[in-house]
C-alpha cells in the first residue's frame, strides 16, 4: 500500500510540473514573473515587477523613484541578462508602479471564532424585540436577534 501512495505522489508531482511548463510556454510574462527574483535578485524583485511583455518590449514597474532610477542605470545589463536567460526581449520600459499589498484572507476557523451567533463564546440573552433567547453577539451587532433582523431587511 505504501508503494502505491508514493507512485501517486510522483504522478501528481509530474502532472503539476507539466502544467507549470505549459503555463510558462503559453505566457512568457508569467514565466518571466515566476523567474523574476532569480533573474534580478531578491532585493530588486521585491521593489520592481514585470507588468507587461508585448512585441518584445518589457514594461517594468518600480515601487519608488529610487528603484526606477536604479533600473534606468542598469537597463542595458538587465536587458542582456534577460536575453541570456532565453527571453525574447528587445527593449525595456520602466515606469512608476505602486504595489498593492494583498490582504491576508482569514481562514474559516478564524471567522467562526469571531462569529456573533456563537452562544458557546458569547452566551445568551433575551432579544428585546421578540423576547426569545438569542446570542449576545447578535444583540451587540444588531440590537436584536438574527431572526428579528431578517424581518427588518428590505424585501
C-alpha atoms as a PDB file:
ATOM      1  CA  UNK A   1       0.000   0.000   0.000  1.00  0.00           C
ATOM      2  CA  UNK A   2       2.884   2.363   0.809  1.00  0.00           C
ATOM      3  CA  UNK A   3       4.337   1.979  -2.710  1.00  0.00           C
ATOM      4  CA  UNK A   4       1.025   2.951  -4.295  1.00  0.00           C
ATOM      5  CA  UNK A   5       0.931   6.208  -2.319  1.00  0.00           C
ATOM      6  CA  UNK A   6       4.450   7.109  -3.465  1.00  0.00           C
ATOM      7  CA  UNK A   7       3.643   6.388  -7.112  1.00  0.00           C
ATOM      8  CA  UNK A   8       0.561   8.656  -6.868  1.00  0.00           C
ATOM      9  CA  UNK A   9       2.704  11.411  -5.358  1.00  0.00           C
ATOM     10  CA  UNK A  10       5.171  11.167  -8.225  1.00  0.00           C
ATOM     11  CA  UNK A  11       2.480  11.220 -10.849  1.00  0.00           C
ATOM     12  CA  UNK A  12       0.798  14.216  -9.211  1.00  0.00           C
ATOM     13  CA  UNK A  13       4.142  15.976  -8.957  1.00  0.00           C
ATOM     14  CA  UNK A  14       4.977  15.307 -12.600  1.00  0.00           C
ATOM     15  CA  UNK A  15       1.475  16.460 -13.581  1.00  0.00           C
ATOM     16  CA  UNK A  16       1.980  19.738 -11.711  1.00  0.00           C
ATOM     17  CA  UNK A  17       5.404  20.185 -13.316  1.00  0.00           C
ATOM     18  CA  UNK A  18       3.833  19.658 -16.736  1.00  0.00           C
ATOM     19  CA  UNK A  19       1.136  22.251 -16.013  1.00  0.00           C
ATOM     20  CA  UNK A  20       3.802  24.702 -14.846  1.00  0.00           C
ATOM     21  CA  UNK A  21       5.868  24.143 -18.013  1.00  0.00           C
ATOM     22  CA  UNK A  22       2.802  24.555 -20.247  1.00  0.00           C
ATOM     23  CA  UNK A  23       1.909  27.742 -18.407  1.00  0.00           C
ATOM     24  CA  UNK A  24       5.420  29.108 -18.936  1.00  0.00           C
ATOM     25  CA  UNK A  25       5.296  28.279 -22.649  1.00  0.00           C
ATOM     26  CA  UNK A  26       1.934  29.939 -23.264  1.00  0.00           C
ATOM     27  CA  UNK A  27       2.619  33.056 -21.215  1.00  0.00           C
ATOM     28  CA  UNK A  28       6.116  34.478 -21.460  1.00  0.00           C
ATOM     29  CA  UNK A  29       5.205  37.182 -18.927  1.00  0.00           C
ATOM     30  CA  UNK A  30       4.086  34.503 -16.457  1.00  0.00           C
ATOM     31  CA  UNK A  31       7.355  32.652 -16.942  1.00  0.00           C
ATOM     32  CA  UNK A  32       9.319  35.867 -16.511  1.00  0.00           C
ATOM     33  CA  UNK A  33       7.347  36.767 -13.378  1.00  0.00           C
ATOM     34  CA  UNK A  34       7.986  33.294 -11.972  1.00  0.00           C
ATOM     35  CA  UNK A  35      11.750  33.578 -12.581  1.00  0.00           C
ATOM     36  CA  UNK A  36      11.948  37.287 -11.732  1.00  0.00           C
ATOM     37  CA  UNK A  37      13.644  37.001  -8.316  1.00  0.00           C
ATOM     38  CA  UNK A  38      16.287  34.608  -9.704  1.00  0.00           C
ATOM     39  CA  UNK A  39      16.948  36.875 -12.678  1.00  0.00           C
ATOM     40  CA  UNK A  40      17.204  40.240 -10.921  1.00  0.00           C
ATOM     41  CA  UNK A  41      17.870  39.346  -7.289  1.00  0.00           C
ATOM     42  CA  UNK A  42      15.589  39.342  -4.267  1.00  0.00           C
ATOM     43  CA  UNK A  43      16.066  42.999  -3.324  1.00  0.00           C
ATOM     44  CA  UNK A  44      15.232  44.322  -6.786  1.00  0.00           C
ATOM     45  CA  UNK A  45      12.416  41.791  -7.239  1.00  0.00           C
ATOM     46  CA  UNK A  46      10.728  42.933  -4.034  1.00  0.00           C
ATOM     47  CA  UNK A  47      10.657  46.528  -5.321  1.00  0.00           C
ATOM     48  CA  UNK A  48      10.176  46.074  -9.076  1.00  0.00           C
ATOM     49  CA  UNK A  49       7.917  43.786 -11.065  1.00  0.00           C
ATOM     50  CA  UNK A  50       7.322  42.916 -14.728  1.00  0.00           C
ATOM     51  CA  UNK A  51       3.987  44.445 -15.782  1.00  0.00           C
ATOM     52  CA  UNK A  52       3.678  43.566 -19.456  1.00  0.00           C
ATOM     53  CA  UNK A  53       5.567  41.991 -22.326  1.00  0.00           C
ATOM     54  CA  UNK A  54       4.311  42.960 -25.769  1.00  0.00           C
ATOM     55  CA  UNK A  55       6.143  42.750 -29.083  1.00  0.00           C
ATOM     56  CA  UNK A  56       9.486  42.306 -27.342  1.00  0.00           C
ATOM     57  CA  UNK A  57       9.095  45.306 -25.031  1.00  0.00           C
ATOM     58  CA  UNK A  58       9.110  44.551 -21.330  1.00  0.00           C
ATOM     59  CA  UNK A  59       7.467  47.118 -19.060  1.00  0.00           C
ATOM     60  CA  UNK A  60       8.787  47.026 -15.502  1.00  0.00           C
ATOM     61  CA  UNK A  61       7.040  48.764 -12.622  1.00  0.00           C
ATOM     62  CA  UNK A  62       9.153  50.259  -9.853  1.00  0.00           C
ATOM     63  CA  UNK A  63       7.698  50.879  -6.393  1.00  0.00           C
ATOM     64  CA  UNK A  64       9.698  54.055  -5.726  1.00  0.00           C
ATOM     65  CA  UNK A  65      11.521  56.675  -7.826  1.00  0.00           C
ATOM     66  CA  UNK A  66      14.869  55.474  -6.443  1.00  0.00           C
ATOM     67  CA  UNK A  67      14.191  51.957  -7.735  1.00  0.00           C
ATOM     68  CA  UNK A  68      13.087  53.395 -11.068  1.00  0.00           C
ATOM     69  CA  UNK A  69      16.385  55.292 -11.237  1.00  0.00           C
ATOM     70  CA  UNK A  70      18.357  52.160 -10.343  1.00  0.00           C
ATOM     71  CA  UNK A  71      16.616  50.269 -13.157  1.00  0.00           C
ATOM     72  CA  UNK A  72      17.343  53.050 -15.628  1.00  0.00           C
ATOM     73  CA  UNK A  73      21.056  52.930 -14.770  1.00  0.00           C
ATOM     74  CA  UNK A  74      21.220  49.156 -15.156  1.00  0.00           C
ATOM     75  CA  UNK A  75      18.771  48.857 -18.073  1.00  0.00           C
ATOM     76  CA  UNK A  76      21.287  47.523 -20.631  1.00  0.00           C
ATOM     77  CA  UNK A  77      22.749  44.998 -18.170  1.00  0.00           C
ATOM     78  CA  UNK A  78      19.243  43.846 -17.231  1.00  0.00           C
ATOM     79  CA  UNK A  79      18.293  43.500 -20.897  1.00  0.00           C
ATOM     80  CA  UNK A  80      21.414  41.413 -21.604  1.00  0.00           C
ATOM     81  CA  UNK A  81      20.706  39.249 -18.559  1.00  0.00           C
ATOM     82  CA  UNK A  82      17.107  38.581 -19.674  1.00  0.00           C
ATOM     83  CA  UNK A  83      18.166  37.801 -23.251  1.00  0.00           C
ATOM     84  CA  UNK A  84      20.891  35.446 -21.987  1.00  0.00           C
ATOM     85  CA  UNK A  85      18.232  33.697 -19.868  1.00  0.00           C
ATOM     86  CA  UNK A  86      16.305  32.939 -23.063  1.00  0.00           C
ATOM     87  CA  UNK A  87      13.672  35.680 -23.047  1.00  0.00           C
ATOM     88  CA  UNK A  88      12.955  37.373 -26.368  1.00  0.00           C
ATOM     89  CA  UNK A  89      13.130  40.977 -25.189  1.00  0.00           C
ATOM     90  CA  UNK A  90      14.256  43.837 -27.431  1.00  0.00           C
ATOM     91  CA  UNK A  91      13.638  46.799 -25.134  1.00  0.00           C
ATOM     92  CA  UNK A  92      12.781  47.645 -21.544  1.00  0.00           C
ATOM     93  CA  UNK A  93      10.491  50.457 -20.383  1.00  0.00           C
ATOM     94  CA  UNK A  94      10.431  51.429 -16.741  1.00  0.00           C
ATOM     95  CA  UNK A  95       7.574  53.191 -15.006  1.00  0.00           C
ATOM     96  CA  UNK A  96       6.395  54.060 -11.527  1.00  0.00           C
ATOM     97  CA  UNK A  97       4.072  51.407 -10.146  1.00  0.00           C
ATOM     98  CA  UNK A  98       2.511  51.248  -6.700  1.00  0.00           C
ATOM     99  CA  UNK A  99       2.255  47.701  -5.463  1.00  0.00           C
ATOM    100  CA  UNK A 100      -0.969  46.781  -3.727  1.00  0.00           C
ATOM    101  CA  UNK A 101      -0.295  44.512  -0.829  1.00  0.00           C
ATOM    102  CA  UNK A 102      -2.675  41.603  -0.734  1.00  0.00           C
ATOM    103  CA  UNK A 103      -4.782  41.463   2.343  1.00  0.00           C
ATOM    104  CA  UNK A 104      -4.384  38.135   4.065  1.00  0.00           C
ATOM    105  CA  UNK A 105      -7.618  36.206   3.982  1.00  0.00           C
ATOM    106  CA  UNK A 106      -8.928  34.895   7.250  1.00  0.00           C
ATOM    107  CA  UNK A 107      -9.443  31.188   7.488  1.00  0.00           C
ATOM    108  CA  UNK A 108     -12.876  29.727   8.101  1.00  0.00           C
ATOM    109  CA  UNK A 109     -11.902  28.781  11.638  1.00  0.00           C
ATOM    110  CA  UNK A 110     -10.765  32.346  12.454  1.00  0.00           C
ATOM    111  CA  UNK A 111     -14.004  33.777  11.069  1.00  0.00           C
ATOM    112  CA  UNK A 112     -16.029  31.240  13.041  1.00  0.00           C
ATOM    113  CA  UNK A 113     -14.143  32.147  16.243  1.00  0.00           C
ATOM    114  CA  UNK A 114     -15.440  35.730  15.946  1.00  0.00           C
ATOM    115  CA  UNK A 115     -18.926  34.920  14.634  1.00  0.00           C
ATOM    116  CA  UNK A 116     -21.656  36.784  16.568  1.00  0.00           C
ATOM    117  CA  UNK A 117     -24.001  33.767  16.622  1.00  0.00           C
ATOM    118  CA  UNK A 118     -21.643  31.655  18.758  1.00  0.00           C
ATOM    119  CA  UNK A 119     -23.507  31.042  22.014  1.00  0.00           C
ATOM    120  CA  UNK A 120     -20.643  28.914  23.358  1.00  0.00           C
ATOM    121  CA  UNK A 121     -18.421  32.022  23.284  1.00  0.00           C
ATOM    122  CA  UNK A 122     -20.824  34.955  23.652  1.00  0.00           C
ATOM    123  CA  UNK A 123     -23.601  33.384  25.692  1.00  0.00           C
ATOM    124  CA  UNK A 124     -27.361  34.023  25.525  1.00  0.00           C
ATOM    125  CA  UNK A 125     -29.669  36.919  26.447  1.00  0.00           C
ATOM    126  CA  UNK A 126     -33.271  37.723  25.665  1.00  0.00           C
ATOM    127  CA  UNK A 127     -33.937  39.547  22.376  1.00  0.00           C
ATOM    128  CA  UNK A 128     -35.662  42.861  23.214  1.00  0.00           C
ATOM    129  CA  UNK A 129     -37.862  42.600  20.131  1.00  0.00           C
ATOM    130  CA  UNK A 130     -39.205  39.014  20.162  1.00  0.00           C
ATOM    131  CA  UNK A 131     -38.437  38.204  23.828  1.00  0.00           C
ATOM    132  CA  UNK A 132     -36.753  34.893  22.909  1.00  0.00           C
ATOM    133  CA  UNK A 133     -33.211  33.696  23.779  1.00  0.00           C
ATOM    134  CA  UNK A 134     -30.586  34.987  21.330  1.00  0.00           C
ATOM    135  CA  UNK A 135     -26.776  35.016  21.094  1.00  0.00           C
ATOM    136  CA  UNK A 136     -25.282  38.059  22.820  1.00  0.00           C
ATOM    137  CA  UNK A 137     -23.022  38.657  19.786  1.00  0.00           C
ATOM    138  CA  UNK A 138     -26.088  39.187  17.576  1.00  0.00           C
ATOM    139  CA  UNK A 139     -27.675  41.510  20.125  1.00  0.00           C
ATOM    140  CA  UNK A 140     -24.480  43.597  20.276  1.00  0.00           C
ATOM    141  CA  UNK A 141     -24.268  43.765  16.485  1.00  0.00           C
ATOM    142  CA  UNK A 142     -27.905  44.482  15.564  1.00  0.00           C
ATOM    143  CA  UNK A 143     -29.641  45.229  18.893  1.00  0.00           C
ATOM    144  CA  UNK A 144     -31.875  42.236  18.116  1.00  0.00           C
ATOM    145  CA  UNK A 145     -31.583  38.563  17.182  1.00  0.00           C
ATOM    146  CA  UNK A 146     -30.862  37.496  13.599  1.00  0.00           C
ATOM    147  CA  UNK A 147     -34.495  36.393  13.086  1.00  0.00           C
ATOM    148  CA  UNK A 148     -35.836  39.832  14.005  1.00  0.00           C
ATOM    149  CA  UNK A 149     -33.096  41.471  11.932  1.00  0.00           C
ATOM    150  CA  UNK A 150     -34.083  39.360   8.943  1.00  0.00           C
ATOM    151  CA  UNK A 151     -37.699  40.562   9.248  1.00  0.00           C
ATOM    152  CA  UNK A 152     -36.440  44.180   9.167  1.00  0.00           C
ATOM    153  CA  UNK A 153     -34.416  43.738   5.952  1.00  0.00           C
ATOM    154  CA  UNK A 154     -35.897  45.257   2.760  1.00  0.00           C
ATOM    155  CA  UNK A 155     -37.625  42.749   0.503  1.00  0.00           C
END
